[in-house]
N, C-alpha and C. Protein backbone atom coordinates (compact mmCIF):
# COMPACT_ATOMS: atom_id res chain seq x y z
N MET A 1 19.41 7.47 -2.28
CA MET A 1 19.08 7.36 -0.94
C MET A 1 18.14 7.97 -0.56
N ALA A 2 17.32 7.55 0.64
CA ALA A 2 16.21 8.23 1.35
C ALA A 2 16.41 9.00 2.59
N LEU A 3 15.63 10.05 2.59
CA LEU A 3 15.81 10.76 3.89
C LEU A 3 14.75 9.62 5.17
N ILE A 4 15.46 9.54 5.89
CA ILE A 4 14.77 9.05 7.39
C ILE A 4 13.61 10.17 8.20
N ASN A 5 12.35 9.87 7.65
CA ASN A 5 11.23 11.04 8.17
C ASN A 5 10.85 10.42 9.64
N THR A 6 11.32 9.22 10.18
CA THR A 6 10.64 9.06 11.45
C THR A 6 11.50 8.06 12.28
N ILE A 7 11.91 8.22 13.19
CA ILE A 7 12.96 7.34 14.32
C ILE A 7 11.73 6.89 15.30
N VAL A 8 11.59 5.19 15.59
CA VAL A 8 10.77 4.92 16.55
C VAL A 8 11.68 3.71 17.48
N LYS A 9 11.60 4.16 18.53
CA LYS A 9 12.32 3.41 19.80
C LYS A 9 11.31 2.04 19.58
N THR A 10 12.25 0.95 19.51
CA THR A 10 11.68 -0.68 19.79
C THR A 10 12.54 -1.21 21.02
N SER A 11 11.97 -2.34 21.04
CA SER A 11 12.24 -2.81 22.33
C SER A 11 13.35 -4.07 22.18
N ASP A 12 14.01 -4.09 20.78
CA ASP A 12 14.74 -5.01 20.46
C ASP A 12 16.31 -4.60 21.19
N GLU A 13 17.39 -5.78 21.20
CA GLU A 13 18.20 -5.56 21.93
C GLU A 13 19.00 -5.19 21.08
N PRO A 14 20.02 -4.10 21.49
CA PRO A 14 20.89 -3.72 20.17
C PRO A 14 22.03 -4.68 20.16
N LYS A 15 22.23 -4.76 19.03
CA LYS A 15 23.64 -5.99 18.69
C LYS A 15 24.82 -5.46 18.13
N SER A 16 25.88 -5.17 18.16
CA SER A 16 26.96 -4.70 17.58
C SER A 16 28.04 -5.59 16.86
N ASN A 17 28.95 -4.80 16.35
CA ASN A 17 29.45 -5.40 15.09
C ASN A 17 30.92 -4.36 14.99
N THR A 18 32.09 -4.95 15.34
CA THR A 18 33.27 -4.01 15.25
C THR A 18 33.91 -3.96 13.90
N GLY A 19 33.43 -4.74 13.01
CA GLY A 19 34.11 -4.96 11.80
C GLY A 19 33.43 -3.77 10.64
N VAL A 20 33.14 -2.83 11.81
CA VAL A 20 32.46 -1.75 10.64
C VAL A 20 33.20 -0.17 10.63
N GLN A 21 33.34 0.56 9.49
CA GLN A 21 33.71 1.62 9.08
C GLN A 21 32.50 2.47 9.08
N ALA A 22 32.98 3.81 9.09
CA ALA A 22 31.58 4.80 8.57
C ALA A 22 32.17 6.02 8.03
N ASP A 23 31.51 6.83 7.11
CA ASP A 23 31.86 7.81 6.53
C ASP A 23 30.38 8.77 6.54
N PHE A 24 30.84 10.23 6.34
CA PHE A 24 29.58 11.19 6.53
C PHE A 24 30.05 12.29 5.64
N ASN A 25 29.13 12.85 5.29
CA ASN A 25 29.26 14.15 4.55
C ASN A 25 27.95 14.99 4.83
N PHE A 26 27.82 16.33 4.28
CA PHE A 26 26.45 16.94 4.31
C PHE A 26 26.96 18.19 4.00
N ASN A 27 25.49 18.79 3.27
CA ASN A 27 25.39 20.55 2.77
C ASN A 27 24.65 20.86 3.79
N LYS A 28 23.65 22.05 2.88
CA LYS A 28 23.27 22.87 3.85
C LYS A 28 21.84 22.29 4.25
N SER A 29 21.67 21.12 3.65
CA SER A 29 20.06 20.62 4.03
C SER A 29 19.97 19.01 4.12
N VAL A 30 21.24 18.37 4.22
CA VAL A 30 21.47 16.73 4.10
C VAL A 30 22.25 16.37 5.00
N LEU A 31 22.52 15.67 5.78
CA LEU A 31 23.70 14.84 6.53
C LEU A 31 23.42 13.20 5.92
N THR A 32 24.54 12.41 5.42
CA THR A 32 24.58 11.42 5.22
C THR A 32 25.53 10.59 5.77
N ILE A 33 25.28 9.60 6.72
CA ILE A 33 26.34 8.66 7.15
C ILE A 33 25.98 7.42 6.73
N ARG A 34 27.30 6.57 6.17
CA ARG A 34 27.36 5.56 5.20
C ARG A 34 28.08 4.43 6.02
N THR A 35 27.93 3.44 6.29
CA THR A 35 28.45 2.23 6.89
C THR A 35 28.65 1.05 5.90
N TYR A 36 29.98 0.36 5.91
CA TYR A 36 30.80 -0.42 5.46
C TYR A 36 31.59 -1.50 6.22
N LYS A 37 31.94 -2.45 5.57
CA LYS A 37 33.08 -3.43 6.39
C LYS A 37 34.37 -2.72 6.44
N ALA A 38 34.58 -2.99 7.84
CA ALA A 38 36.04 -2.27 7.74
C ALA A 38 37.04 -2.51 6.72
N GLY A 39 37.71 -1.25 6.30
CA GLY A 39 38.67 -1.72 5.33
C GLY A 39 38.68 -1.63 3.92
N ASP A 40 37.10 -1.50 3.63
CA ASP A 40 36.62 -1.49 2.55
C ASP A 40 36.43 -0.28 2.21
N ILE A 41 37.07 0.55 1.95
CA ILE A 41 37.00 2.15 1.71
C ILE A 41 36.22 2.41 0.58
N ASN A 42 36.22 1.80 -0.68
CA ASN A 42 35.67 1.74 -1.88
C ASN A 42 34.39 1.01 -1.88
N ARG A 43 34.04 0.49 -0.71
CA ARG A 43 32.36 -0.28 -0.34
C ARG A 43 32.20 -1.14 -1.71
N LYS A 44 33.18 -2.07 -1.73
CA LYS A 44 33.13 -3.07 -2.98
C LYS A 44 32.42 -4.24 -2.28
N ASN A 45 32.35 -4.72 -1.03
CA ASN A 45 32.33 -6.01 -0.51
C ASN A 45 31.03 -5.86 0.12
N GLY A 46 30.00 -6.14 -0.59
CA GLY A 46 28.51 -6.02 -0.16
C GLY A 46 28.04 -4.92 0.09
N ALA A 47 26.76 -4.74 0.42
CA ALA A 47 25.78 -3.34 0.27
C ALA A 47 25.91 -2.61 1.52
N LYS A 48 26.51 -1.33 1.10
CA LYS A 48 26.55 -0.29 2.76
C LYS A 48 25.28 -0.04 3.14
N GLN A 49 25.05 0.23 4.45
CA GLN A 49 23.85 0.85 5.14
C GLN A 49 24.02 2.69 5.01
N ASN A 50 22.88 3.51 4.47
CA ASN A 50 22.75 4.50 4.50
C ASN A 50 21.81 5.03 5.32
N ILE A 51 22.19 6.14 5.96
CA ILE A 51 21.31 7.09 6.49
C ILE A 51 21.47 8.64 6.02
N GLN A 52 20.16 8.82 5.95
CA GLN A 52 20.30 10.75 5.43
C GLN A 52 19.11 11.31 6.38
N LEU A 53 19.72 12.36 6.94
CA LEU A 53 18.65 13.04 7.53
C LEU A 53 18.50 14.55 7.17
N ASP A 54 17.51 15.35 7.44
CA ASP A 54 16.94 16.71 7.38
C ASP A 54 17.44 17.33 8.48
N LYS A 55 17.47 18.39 8.48
CA LYS A 55 17.84 19.09 9.77
C LYS A 55 17.06 18.83 11.02
N ASP A 56 15.57 18.50 10.74
CA ASP A 56 14.90 18.50 11.92
C ASP A 56 15.01 17.24 12.66
N MET A 57 15.14 16.17 11.62
CA MET A 57 15.49 14.71 12.00
C MET A 57 17.01 14.77 12.60
N ALA A 58 17.85 15.29 12.18
CA ALA A 58 19.30 15.41 12.52
C ALA A 58 18.85 16.08 14.46
N LYS A 59 18.06 16.99 14.56
CA LYS A 59 18.02 17.52 15.90
C LYS A 59 17.32 16.58 16.70
N LYS A 60 16.26 15.87 16.34
CA LYS A 60 15.47 14.48 17.05
C LYS A 60 16.52 13.72 17.36
N LEU A 61 17.37 13.23 16.62
CA LEU A 61 18.65 12.05 16.76
C LEU A 61 19.61 12.68 17.68
N CYS A 62 20.35 14.18 17.59
CA CYS A 62 20.99 14.71 18.80
C CYS A 62 20.31 14.65 19.94
N ASN A 63 18.97 14.55 20.01
CA ASN A 63 18.27 14.25 21.50
C ASN A 63 18.44 12.92 21.45
N ILE A 64 18.16 11.98 21.06
CA ILE A 64 18.45 10.55 21.23
C ILE A 64 19.71 10.17 21.71
N LEU A 65 20.80 10.66 21.15
CA LEU A 65 22.09 10.45 21.36
C LEU A 65 22.82 11.32 22.55
N ASN A 66 21.87 12.46 22.99
CA ASN A 66 21.97 12.72 24.32
C ASN A 66 21.73 11.78 25.68
N ASP A 67 20.25 11.15 25.35
CA ASP A 67 19.48 10.36 26.17
C ASP A 67 20.82 9.46 26.09
N PHE A 68 21.34 8.85 25.24
CA PHE A 68 21.91 7.54 25.20
C PHE A 68 23.10 7.99 26.07
N ILE A 69 23.85 8.98 25.72
CA ILE A 69 25.16 9.26 26.56
C ILE A 69 24.79 9.52 28.01
N GLY A 70 23.82 10.13 28.63
CA GLY A 70 23.67 10.25 29.93
C GLY A 70 22.72 9.33 30.30
N TYR A 71 22.72 8.00 29.60
CA TYR A 71 22.11 6.80 30.30
C TYR A 71 23.01 6.00 31.08
N LYS A 72 22.36 5.71 32.42
CA LYS A 72 23.58 5.26 33.30
C LYS A 72 22.74 3.57 33.77
């Protein structure tokens, strides 16, 4: 897995898929979030998507999420 070092806003319209689950784990330096098809806890059915963030990038993501939560 690779650490995300840049988050860039695009003008693409977000698409959603309700058939997805996620798990996460972290240690003192990295947060990992993995998504996969709902019910596929062993992640055997297709490629999973992974996000890894260090603390600085996690702070940036928190700011983005706060903007999203406050978006009207």
